[in-house]
Amino acid sequence: MLKTRCVQANDIFPVIALAYDTLPERYNPSIFNQFYESFPEGFLVALYNHTIIGFLIGIKTTTNTARILMLSVNNNNRKQGIGAALLTHFLIEMKNQQVTQVELEVRTTNQGALEFYKKQGFTLRETLHQFYQNGEDAYSMRKEL
């Protein structure tokens, strides 16, 4: 059974491993602890049979704005509603904190993620040139809550 919840301290290493397996960026592992310590309400995990198969990291950037920094699901578990479950959990939490808009960036080459976010109600705002470490462009997207 799928469950989403806020991250716990013992989830950090499995999340780092999942990020390494599924995301093209190479993040310093200490950043995951920083997000856990600074805004645990925005750091969510998806579990199936007690195994972490996805995560979402988001932060509040102002009193009424939040940003999704990372959303990842294990390659074997994609297209099963796990990303949507994490996103829904995050959006509910942000509404409870009086957030009125959520922003994110997605690679212009990541058509799957782009379609996913559009389906979830996010709209394109602008292209951010050379946004990623490897020089790839990103789309800035936003959803009003």
C-alpha atoms as a PDB file:
ATOM      1  CA  MET A   1       0.000   0.000   0.000  1.00  0.00           C
ATOM      2  CA  LEU A   2       1.267   3.475  -0.915  1.00  0.00           C
ATOM      3  CA  LYS A   3       1.800   5.961   1.899  1.00  0.00           C
ATOM      4  CA  THR A   4       3.121   9.537   1.830  1.00  0.00           C
ATOM      5  CA  ARG A   5       4.460  11.273   4.907  1.00  0.00           C
ATOM      6  CA  CYS A   6       6.977  13.856   6.058  1.00  0.00           C
ATOM      7  CA  VAL A   7      10.548  12.676   5.978  1.00  0.00           C
ATOM      8  CA  GLN A   8      12.155  11.289   9.119  1.00  0.00           C
ATOM      9  CA  ALA A   9      15.837  11.313  10.040  1.00  0.00           C
ATOM     10  CA  ASN A  10      16.357   7.675   9.085  1.00  0.00           C
ATOM     11  CA  ASP A  11      14.905   8.349   5.604  1.00  0.00           C
ATOM     12  CA  ILE A  12      17.738  10.663   4.540  1.00  0.00           C
ATOM     13  CA  PHE A  13      20.189   8.038   3.232  1.00  0.00           C
ATOM     14  CA  PRO A  14      17.562   6.156   1.157  1.00  0.00           C
ATOM     15  CA  VAL A  15      16.416   9.511  -0.278  1.00  0.00           C
ATOM     16  CA  ILE A  16      19.993  10.415  -1.225  1.00  0.00           C
ATOM     17  CA  ALA A  17      20.403   7.036  -2.946  1.00  0.00           C
ATOM     18  CA  LEU A  18      17.127   7.502  -4.833  1.00  0.00           C
ATOM     19  CA  ALA A  19      18.140  11.005  -5.922  1.00  0.00           C
ATOM     20  CA  TYR A  20      21.462   9.668  -7.173  1.00  0.00           C
ATOM     21  CA  ASP A  21      19.688   6.925  -9.177  1.00  0.00           C
ATOM     22  CA  THR A  22      16.945   9.078 -10.683  1.00  0.00           C
ATOM     23  CA  LEU A  23      18.120  12.679 -11.038  1.00  0.00           C
ATOM     24  CA  PRO A  24      20.759  13.974 -13.457  1.00  0.00           C
ATOM     25  CA  GLU A  25      22.092  16.595 -11.025  1.00  0.00           C
ATOM     26  CA  ARG A  26      24.648  15.554  -8.408  1.00  0.00           C
ATOM     27  CA  TYR A  27      23.716  17.202  -5.131  1.00  0.00           C
ATOM     28  CA  ASN A  28      25.926  17.449  -2.085  1.00  0.00           C
ATOM     29  CA  PRO A  29      24.367  14.958   0.369  1.00  0.00           C
ATOM     30  CA  SER A  30      24.410  17.569   3.146  1.00  0.00           C
ATOM     31  CA  ILE A  31      21.743  19.558   1.290  1.00  0.00           C
ATOM     32  CA  PHE A  32      19.168  16.873   2.112  1.00  0.00           C
ATOM     33  CA  ASN A  33      19.858  17.288   5.844  1.00  0.00           C
ATOM     34  CA  GLN A  34      19.560  21.054   5.455  1.00  0.00           C
ATOM     35  CA  PHE A  35      16.085  20.725   3.910  1.00  0.00           C
ATOM     36  CA  TYR A  36      15.067  18.227   6.595  1.00  0.00           C
ATOM     37  CA  GLU A  37      16.190  20.563   9.361  1.00  0.00           C
ATOM     38  CA  SER A  38      14.959  23.844   7.861  1.00  0.00           C
ATOM     39  CA  PHE A  39      11.529  22.886   6.487  1.00  0.00           C
ATOM     40  CA  PRO A  40      10.523  19.271   7.241  1.00  0.00           C
ATOM     41  CA  GLU A  41       6.892  20.002   6.296  1.00  0.00           C
ATOM     42  CA  GLY A  42       8.021  20.341   2.682  1.00  0.00           C
ATOM     43  CA  PHE A  43      10.179  17.209   2.576  1.00  0.00           C
ATOM     44  CA  LEU A  44       7.924  14.247   1.805  1.00  0.00           C
ATOM     45  CA  VAL A  45       8.527  10.603   1.027  1.00  0.00           C
ATOM     46  CA  ALA A  46       6.386   7.973  -0.671  1.00  0.00           C
ATOM     47  CA  LEU A  47       6.637   4.467   0.709  1.00  0.00           C
ATOM     48  CA  TYR A  48       5.448   1.162  -0.644  1.00  0.00           C
ATOM     49  CA  ASN A  49       5.724  -1.729   1.826  1.00  0.00           C
ATOM     50  CA  HIS A  50       7.968   0.428   4.034  1.00  0.00           C
ATOM     51  CA  THR A  51      10.420   1.125   1.174  1.00  0.00           C
ATOM     52  CA  ILE A  52      10.990   4.671  -0.066  1.00  0.00           C
ATOM     53  CA  ILE A  53      10.080   4.831  -3.750  1.00  0.00           C
ATOM     54  CA  GLY A  54       9.729   8.585  -4.179  1.00  0.00           C
ATOM     55  CA  PHE A  55      10.300  11.938  -2.563  1.00  0.00           C
ATOM     56  CA  LEU A  56       9.464  15.614  -2.912  1.00  0.00           C
ATOM     57  CA  ILE A  57      11.424  18.528  -1.489  1.00  0.00           C
ATOM     58  CA  GLY A  58       9.770  21.927  -1.343  1.00  0.00           C
ATOM     59  CA  ILE A  59      10.350  25.124   0.591  1.00  0.00           C
ATOM     60  CA  LYS A  60       8.465  28.286   1.409  1.00  0.00           C
ATOM     61  CA  THR A  61      10.169  31.204  -0.314  1.00  0.00           C
ATOM     62  CA  THR A  62       7.833  33.896   1.059  1.00  0.00           C
ATOM     63  CA  THR A  63       4.838  33.842   3.398  1.00  0.00           C
ATOM     64  CA  ASN A  64       2.527  32.989   0.469  1.00  0.00           C
ATOM     65  CA  THR A  65       4.853  31.341  -2.066  1.00  0.00           C
ATOM     66  CA  ALA A  66       6.447  27.887  -2.117  1.00  0.00           C
ATOM     67  CA  ARG A  67       8.877  26.254  -4.524  1.00  0.00           C
ATOM     68  CA  ILE A  68       9.282  22.599  -5.395  1.00  0.00           C
ATOM     69  CA  LEU A  69      12.987  21.867  -5.640  1.00  0.00           C
ATOM     70  CA  MET A  70      12.978  18.126  -6.345  1.00  0.00           C
ATOM     71  CA  LEU A  71      10.389  15.489  -7.145  1.00  0.00           C
ATOM     72  CA  SER A  72      11.565  12.013  -7.970  1.00  0.00           C
ATOM     73  CA  VAL A  73      10.095   8.527  -8.199  1.00  0.00           C
ATOM     74  CA  ASN A  74      11.968   5.253  -8.567  1.00  0.00           C
ATOM     75  CA  ASN A  75      12.172   4.336 -12.268  1.00  0.00           C
ATOM     76  CA  ASN A  76      10.275   1.045 -11.695  1.00  0.00           C
ATOM     77  CA  ASN A  77       7.384   2.850 -10.003  1.00  0.00           C
ATOM     78  CA  ARG A  78       6.725   5.711 -12.414  1.00  0.00           C
ATOM     79  CA  LYS A  79       3.327   6.373 -14.002  1.00  0.00           C
ATOM     80  CA  GLN A  80       1.535   4.817 -11.026  1.00  0.00           C
ATOM     81  CA  GLY A  81       0.305   8.012  -9.362  1.00  0.00           C
ATOM     82  CA  ILE A  82       3.159   8.264  -6.853  1.00  0.00           C
ATOM     83  CA  GLY A  83       4.384  11.660  -8.033  1.00  0.00           C
ATOM     84  CA  ALA A  84       0.794  12.918  -8.028  1.00  0.00           C
ATOM     85  CA  ALA A  85       0.295  11.612  -4.471  1.00  0.00           C
ATOM     86  CA  LEU A  86       3.433  13.406  -3.270  1.00  0.00           C
ATOM     87  CA  LEU A  87       2.443  16.600  -5.064  1.00  0.00           C
ATOM     88  CA  THR A  88      -1.108  16.495  -3.662  1.00  0.00           C
ATOM     89  CA  HIS A  89       0.226  15.985  -0.127  1.00  0.00           C
ATOM     90  CA  PHE A  90       2.597  18.946  -0.577  1.00  0.00           C
ATOM     91  CA  LEU A  91      -0.107  21.226  -2.003  1.00  0.00           C
ATOM     92  CA  ILE A  92      -2.458  20.437   0.900  1.00  0.00           C
ATOM     93  CA  GLU A  93       0.315  21.193   3.381  1.00  0.00           C
ATOM     94  CA  MET A  94       1.072  24.478   1.630  1.00  0.00           C
ATOM     95  CA  LYS A  95      -2.602  25.507   1.594  1.00  0.00           C
ATOM     96  CA  ASN A  96      -2.670  24.834   5.344  1.00  0.00           C
ATOM     97  CA  GLN A  97       0.234  27.291   5.640  1.00  0.00           C
ATOM     98  CA  GLN A  98      -1.618  29.983   3.632  1.00  0.00           C
ATOM     99  CA  VAL A  99       0.573  29.552   0.539  1.00  0.00           C
ATOM    100  CA  THR A 100      -1.248  30.865  -2.544  1.00  0.00           C
ATOM    101  CA  GLN A 101       1.166  29.883  -5.305  1.00  0.00           C
ATOM    102  CA  VAL A 102       3.708  27.147  -5.924  1.00  0.00           C
ATOM    103  CA  GLU A 103       6.590  27.496  -8.369  1.00  0.00           C
ATOM    104  CA  LEU A 104       9.068  25.048  -9.859  1.00  0.00           C
ATOM    105  CA  GLU A 105      11.540  24.569 -12.667  1.00  0.00           C
ATOM    106  CA  VAL A 106      11.682  21.662 -15.096  1.00  0.00           C
ATOM    107  CA  ARG A 107      14.184  20.831 -17.820  1.00  0.00           C
ATOM    108  CA  THR A 108      12.964  21.867 -21.261  1.00  0.00           C
ATOM    109  CA  THR A 109      14.028  18.404 -22.482  1.00  0.00           C
ATOM    110  CA  ASN A 110      11.998  16.534 -19.831  1.00  0.00           C
ATOM    111  CA  GLN A 111       8.725  16.159 -21.705  1.00  0.00           C
ATOM    112  CA  GLY A 112       7.360  13.591 -19.261  1.00  0.00           C
ATOM    113  CA  ALA A 113       7.764  15.929 -16.290  1.00  0.00           C
ATOM    114  CA  LEU A 114       6.469  18.895 -18.286  1.00  0.00           C
ATOM    115  CA  GLU A 115       3.275  17.037 -19.193  1.00  0.00           C
ATOM    116  CA  PHE A 116       2.911  15.773 -15.616  1.00  0.00           C
ATOM    117  CA  TYR A 117       3.045  19.297 -14.177  1.00  0.00           C
ATOM    118  CA  LYS A 118       0.667  20.681 -16.813  1.00  0.00           C
ATOM    119  CA  LYS A 119      -1.784  17.890 -15.964  1.00  0.00           C
ATOM    120  CA  GLN A 120      -1.477  18.907 -12.297  1.00  0.00           C
ATOM    121  CA  GLY A 121      -2.466  22.508 -13.124  1.00  0.00           C
ATOM    122  CA  PHE A 122       0.928  24.193 -13.453  1.00  0.00           C
ATOM    123  CA  THR A 123       1.364  26.738 -16.246  1.00  0.00           C
ATOM    124  CA  LEU A 124       4.493  27.774 -18.136  1.00  0.00           C
ATOM    125  CA  ARG A 125       5.892  31.167 -17.228  1.00  0.00           C
ATOM    126  CA  GLU A 126       9.244  31.566 -18.966  1.00  0.00           C
ATOM    127  CA  THR A 127      12.376  29.827 -20.197  1.00  0.00           C
ATOM    128  CA  LEU A 128      15.411  30.069 -17.934  1.00  0.00           C
ATOM    129  CA  HIS A 129      18.537  29.761 -20.068  1.00  0.00           C
ATOM    130  CA  GLN A 130      21.437  27.648 -18.781  1.00  0.00           C
ATOM    131  CA  PHE A 131      19.607  27.013 -15.516  1.00  0.00           C
ATOM    132  CA  TYR A 132      21.136  23.619 -14.713  1.00  0.00           C
ATOM    133  CA  GLN A 133      24.722  22.708 -13.863  1.00  0.00           C
ATOM    134  CA  ASN A 134      25.245  21.168 -17.308  1.00  0.00           C
ATOM    135  CA  GLY A 135      23.962  24.288 -19.080  1.00  0.00           C
ATOM    136  CA  GLU A 136      20.502  22.937 -19.933  1.00  0.00           C
ATOM    137  CA  ASP A 137      17.554  25.309 -20.057  1.00  0.00           C
ATOM    138  CA  ALA A 138      14.547  25.086 -17.752  1.00  0.00           C
ATOM    139  CA  TYR A 139      10.944  26.155 -17.874  1.00  0.00           C
ATOM    140  CA  SER A 140       9.652  28.105 -14.907  1.00  0.00           C
ATOM    141  CA  MET A 141       6.156  26.925 -13.962  1.00  0.00           C
ATOM    142  CA  ARG A 142       3.552  28.107 -11.449  1.00  0.00           C
ATOM    143  CA  LYS A 143       0.302  26.933  -9.921  1.00  0.00           C
ATOM    144  CA  GLU A 144      -2.139  29.158  -8.063  1.00  0.00           C
ATOM    145  CA  LEU A 145      -3.708  27.528  -5.009  1.00  0.00           C
END
